[in-house]
C-alpha atoms as a PDB file:
ATOM      1  CA  MET A   1       0.931 112.464  73.237  1.00  0.00           C
ATOM      2  CA  ALA A   2      -0.418 110.447  70.269  1.00  0.00           C
ATOM      3  CA  VAL A   3      -3.587 111.464  70.864  1.00  0.00           C
ATOM      4  CA  ASP A   4      -2.562 115.348  71.379  1.00  0.00           C
ATOM      5  CA  VAL A   5      -1.015 115.027  67.764  1.00  0.00           C
ATOM      6  CA  GLU A   6      -4.077 113.341  66.151  1.00  0.00           C
ATOM      7  CA  LYS A   7      -6.213 116.280  67.762  1.00  0.00           C
ATOM      8  CA  LEU A   8      -3.684 118.934  66.679  1.00  0.00           C
ATOM      9  CA  SER A   9      -3.684 117.317  62.849  1.00  0.00           C
ATOM     10  CA  LEU A  10      -7.430 117.317  62.884  1.00  0.00           C
ATOM     11  CA  LEU A  11      -7.708 120.672  64.303  1.00  0.00           C
ATOM     12  CA  LEU A  12      -4.938 122.078  61.342  1.00  0.00           C
ATOM     13  CA  GLU A  13      -7.247 120.006  58.824  1.00  0.00           C
ATOM     14  CA  VAL A  14     -10.574 121.356  59.970  1.00  0.00           C
ATOM     15  CA  GLN A  15      -8.909 124.825  60.002  1.00  0.00           C
ATOM     16  CA  ALA A  16      -7.231 124.631  56.757  1.00  0.00           C
ATOM     17  CA  THR A  17     -10.633 123.520  55.174  1.00  0.00           C
ATOM     18  CA  GLN A  18     -12.337 126.516  56.710  1.00  0.00           C
ATOM     19  CA  PHE A  19      -9.358 128.811  55.435  1.00  0.00           C
ATOM     20  CA  SER A  20      -9.571 127.397  51.864  1.00  0.00           C
ATOM     21  CA  ASN A  21     -13.511 127.934  52.003  1.00  0.00           C
ATOM     22  CA  ALA A  22     -13.327 131.312  53.346  1.00  0.00           C
ATOM     23  CA  LEU A  23     -10.655 132.140  50.674  1.00  0.00           C
ATOM     24  CA  LYS A  24     -13.160 130.841  47.755  1.00  0.00           C
ATOM     25  CA  LYS A  25     -15.924 132.786  49.154  1.00  0.00           C
ATOM     26  CA  GLN A  26     -14.002 136.179  49.299  1.00  0.00           C
ATOM     27  CA  ASN A  27     -12.485 135.297  45.733  1.00  0.00           C
ATOM     28  CA  SER A  28     -16.181 134.804  44.678  1.00  0.00           C
ATOM     29  CA  GLN A  29     -17.216 138.038  46.234  1.00  0.00           C
ATOM     30  CA  ALA A  30     -14.315 139.862  44.930  1.00  0.00           C
ATOM     31  CA  PHE A  31     -15.197 138.615  41.510  1.00  0.00           C
ATOM     32  CA  ARG A  32     -19.132 139.708  41.805  1.00  0.00           C
ATOM     33  CA  LEU A  33     -17.530 143.520  42.982  1.00  0.00           C
ATOM     34  CA  PHE A  34     -15.111 143.682  39.822  1.00  0.00           C
ATOM     35  CA  LYS A  35     -17.910 142.292  37.704  1.00  0.00           C
ATOM     36  CA  GLN A  36     -20.305 145.136  38.708  1.00  0.00           C
ATOM     37  CA  LEU A  37     -17.486 147.629  38.764  1.00  0.00           C
ATOM     38  CA  GLU A  38     -16.457 146.316  34.896  1.00  0.00           C
ATOM     39  CA  ASP A  39     -20.315 146.606  33.980  1.00  0.00           C
ATOM     40  CA  ARG A  40     -20.751 149.931  35.303  1.00  0.00           C
ATOM     41  CA  ALA A  41     -17.575 151.348  33.706  1.00  0.00           C
ATOM     42  CA  SER A  42     -18.589 150.023  30.468  1.00  0.00           C
ATOM     43  CA  ALA A  43     -22.065 151.523  30.693  1.00  0.00           C
ATOM     44  CA  MET A  44     -20.323 154.778  31.436  1.00  0.00           C
ATOM     45  CA  GLU A  45     -17.989 154.627  28.605  1.00  0.00           C
ATOM     46  CA  LYS A  46     -20.972 153.847  26.263  1.00  0.00           C
ATOM     47  CA  SER A  47     -22.838 156.933  28.038  1.00  0.00           C
ATOM     48  CA  VAL A  48     -19.979 159.291  27.533  1.00  0.00           C
ATOM     49  CA  GLY A  49     -19.097 157.884  23.955  1.00  0.00           C
ATOM     50  CA  GLY A  50     -22.688 158.327  22.970  1.00  0.00           C
ATOM     51  CA  SER A  51     -22.787 162.210  24.293  1.00  0.00           C
ATOM     52  CA  LEU A  52     -19.363 162.873  22.497  1.00  0.00           C
ATOM     53  CA  SER A  53     -20.895 161.264  19.330  1.00  0.00           C
ATOM     54  CA  ALA A  54     -23.911 163.308  19.581  1.00  0.00           C
ATOM     55  CA  LEU A  55     -21.983 166.307  20.336  1.00  0.00           C
ATOM     56  CA  GLY A  56     -19.725 165.633  17.247  1.00  0.00           C
ATOM     57  CA  LYS A  57     -22.628 165.370  15.124  1.00  0.00           C
ATOM     58  CA  ARG A  58     -24.078 168.990  16.589  1.00  0.00           C
ATOM     59  CA  VAL A  59     -20.642 170.603  15.960  1.00  0.00           C
ATOM     60  CA  ALA A  60     -20.405 169.017  12.338  1.00  0.00           C
ATOM     61  CA  GLY A  61     -23.858 170.555  11.775  1.00  0.00           C
ATOM     62  CA  VAL A  62     -22.896 173.879  12.725  1.00  0.00           C
ATOM     63  CA  PHE A  63     -19.719 173.994  10.713  1.00  0.00           C
ATOM     64  CA  ALA A  64     -21.676 172.485   7.689  1.00  0.00           C
ATOM     65  CA  GLY A  65     -24.297 175.197   8.234  1.00  0.00           C
ATOM     66  CA  VAL A  66     -21.148 177.735   8.487  1.00  0.00           C
ATOM     67  CA  ALA A  67     -19.960 176.289   5.261  1.00  0.00           C
ATOM     68  CA  VAL A  68     -22.933 176.462   3.348  1.00  0.00           C
ATOM     69  CA  GLY A  69     -23.696 179.968   4.529  1.00  0.00           C
ATOM     70  CA  SER A  70     -20.133 181.052   3.565  1.00  0.00           C
ATOM     71  CA  ALA A  71     -20.648 179.378   0.192  1.00  0.00           C
ATOM     72  CA  LEU A  72     -24.037 180.863  -0.344  1.00  0.00           C
ATOM     73  CA  ASN A  73     -22.381 184.309   0.857  1.00  0.00           C
ATOM     74  CA  ASP A  74     -19.444 183.961  -1.843  1.00  0.00           C
ATOM     75  CA  ILE A  75     -22.185 183.137  -4.647  1.00  0.00           C
ATOM     76  CA  ARG A  76     -24.114 186.416  -3.377  1.00  0.00           C
ATOM     77  CA  ARG A  77     -20.656 188.553  -3.775  1.00  0.00           C
ATOM     78  CA  TYR A  78     -19.919 186.775  -7.246  1.00  0.00           C
ATOM     79  CA  ALA A  79     -23.378 187.755  -8.504  1.00  0.00           C
ATOM     80  CA  ASP A  80     -23.249 191.112  -6.977  1.00  0.00           C
ATOM     81  CA  THR A  81     -19.693 191.719  -8.574  1.00  0.00           C
ATOM     82  CA  TYR A  82     -21.092 190.169 -12.193  1.00  0.00           C
ATOM     83  CA  THR A  83     -24.110 192.550 -11.873  1.00  0.00           C
ATOM     84  CA  GLY A  84     -21.785 195.605 -10.923  1.00  0.00           C
ATOM     85  CA  ILE A  85     -19.607 194.841 -13.798  1.00  0.00           C
ATOM     86  CA  LEU A  86     -22.273 194.340 -16.490  1.00  0.00           C
ATOM     87  CA  ASN A  87     -23.784 197.734 -15.075  1.00  0.00           C
ATOM     88  CA  GLN A  88     -20.424 199.345 -15.641  1.00  0.00           C
ATOM     89  CA  LEU A  89     -20.398 198.058 -19.131  1.00  0.00           C
ATOM     90  CA  LYS A  90     -23.843 199.252 -19.714  1.00  0.00           C
ATOM     91  CA  THR A  91     -23.068 202.667 -18.696  1.00  0.00           C
ATOM     92  CA  ALA A  92     -19.988 202.672 -20.833  1.00  0.00           C
ATOM     93  CA  GLY A  93     -21.872 201.735 -24.069  1.00  0.00           C
ATOM     94  CA  VAL A  94     -20.005 198.413 -24.291  1.00  0.00           C
ATOM     95  CA  ILE A  95     -22.841 195.980 -23.907  1.00  0.00           C
ATOM     96  CA  ARG A  96     -24.963 197.581 -26.622  1.00  0.00           C
ATOM     97  CA  ASN A  97     -22.155 197.443 -29.163  1.00  0.00           C
ATOM     98  CA  ILE A  98     -21.877 193.685 -28.394  1.00  0.00           C
ATOM     99  CA  GLU A  99     -25.640 193.114 -28.444  1.00  0.00           C
ATOM    100  CA  PHE A 100     -25.479 194.851 -31.561  1.00  0.00           C
ATOM    101  CA  ALA A 101     -22.805 192.688 -32.938  1.00  0.00           C
ATOM    102  CA  ALA A 102     -24.380 189.487 -31.595  1.00  0.00           C
ATOM    103  CA  TRP A 103     -27.775 190.372 -33.420  1.00  0.00           C
ATOM    104  CA  THR A 104     -26.418 191.481 -36.770  1.00  0.00           C
ATOM    105  CA  THR A 105     -24.115 188.222 -36.567  1.00  0.00           C
ATOM    106  CA  GLY A 106     -27.344 186.184 -35.670  1.00  0.00           C
ATOM    107  CA  SER A 107     -25.304 184.596 -32.731  1.00  0.00           C
ATOM    108  CA  GLY A 108     -26.149 184.757 -29.109  1.00  0.00           C
ATOM    109  CA  LEU A 109     -24.636 186.709 -25.982  1.00  0.00           C
END
């Protein structure tokens, strides 16, 4: 009976060691898999972030172009309005009177 207990004890110790080794191996493999998953997720995040950044720059460029176009359009409209007002004043003879007054006093317009 003492021999059986010693055999069982030895068998239990061997199985516990085997279990511990198998657990370490599985833990190492799980760590590797999680590390690969983390690396892939990080790479995807950088890729998506880069794509969104590029898209944001393009959209900002489009809006900047629209803003510049709008500003130029406003300047053109103001110039057209100014020209229209001057033409109306010339038609009414007001500009000639102002030019004459500036000429006679020696001051500029």
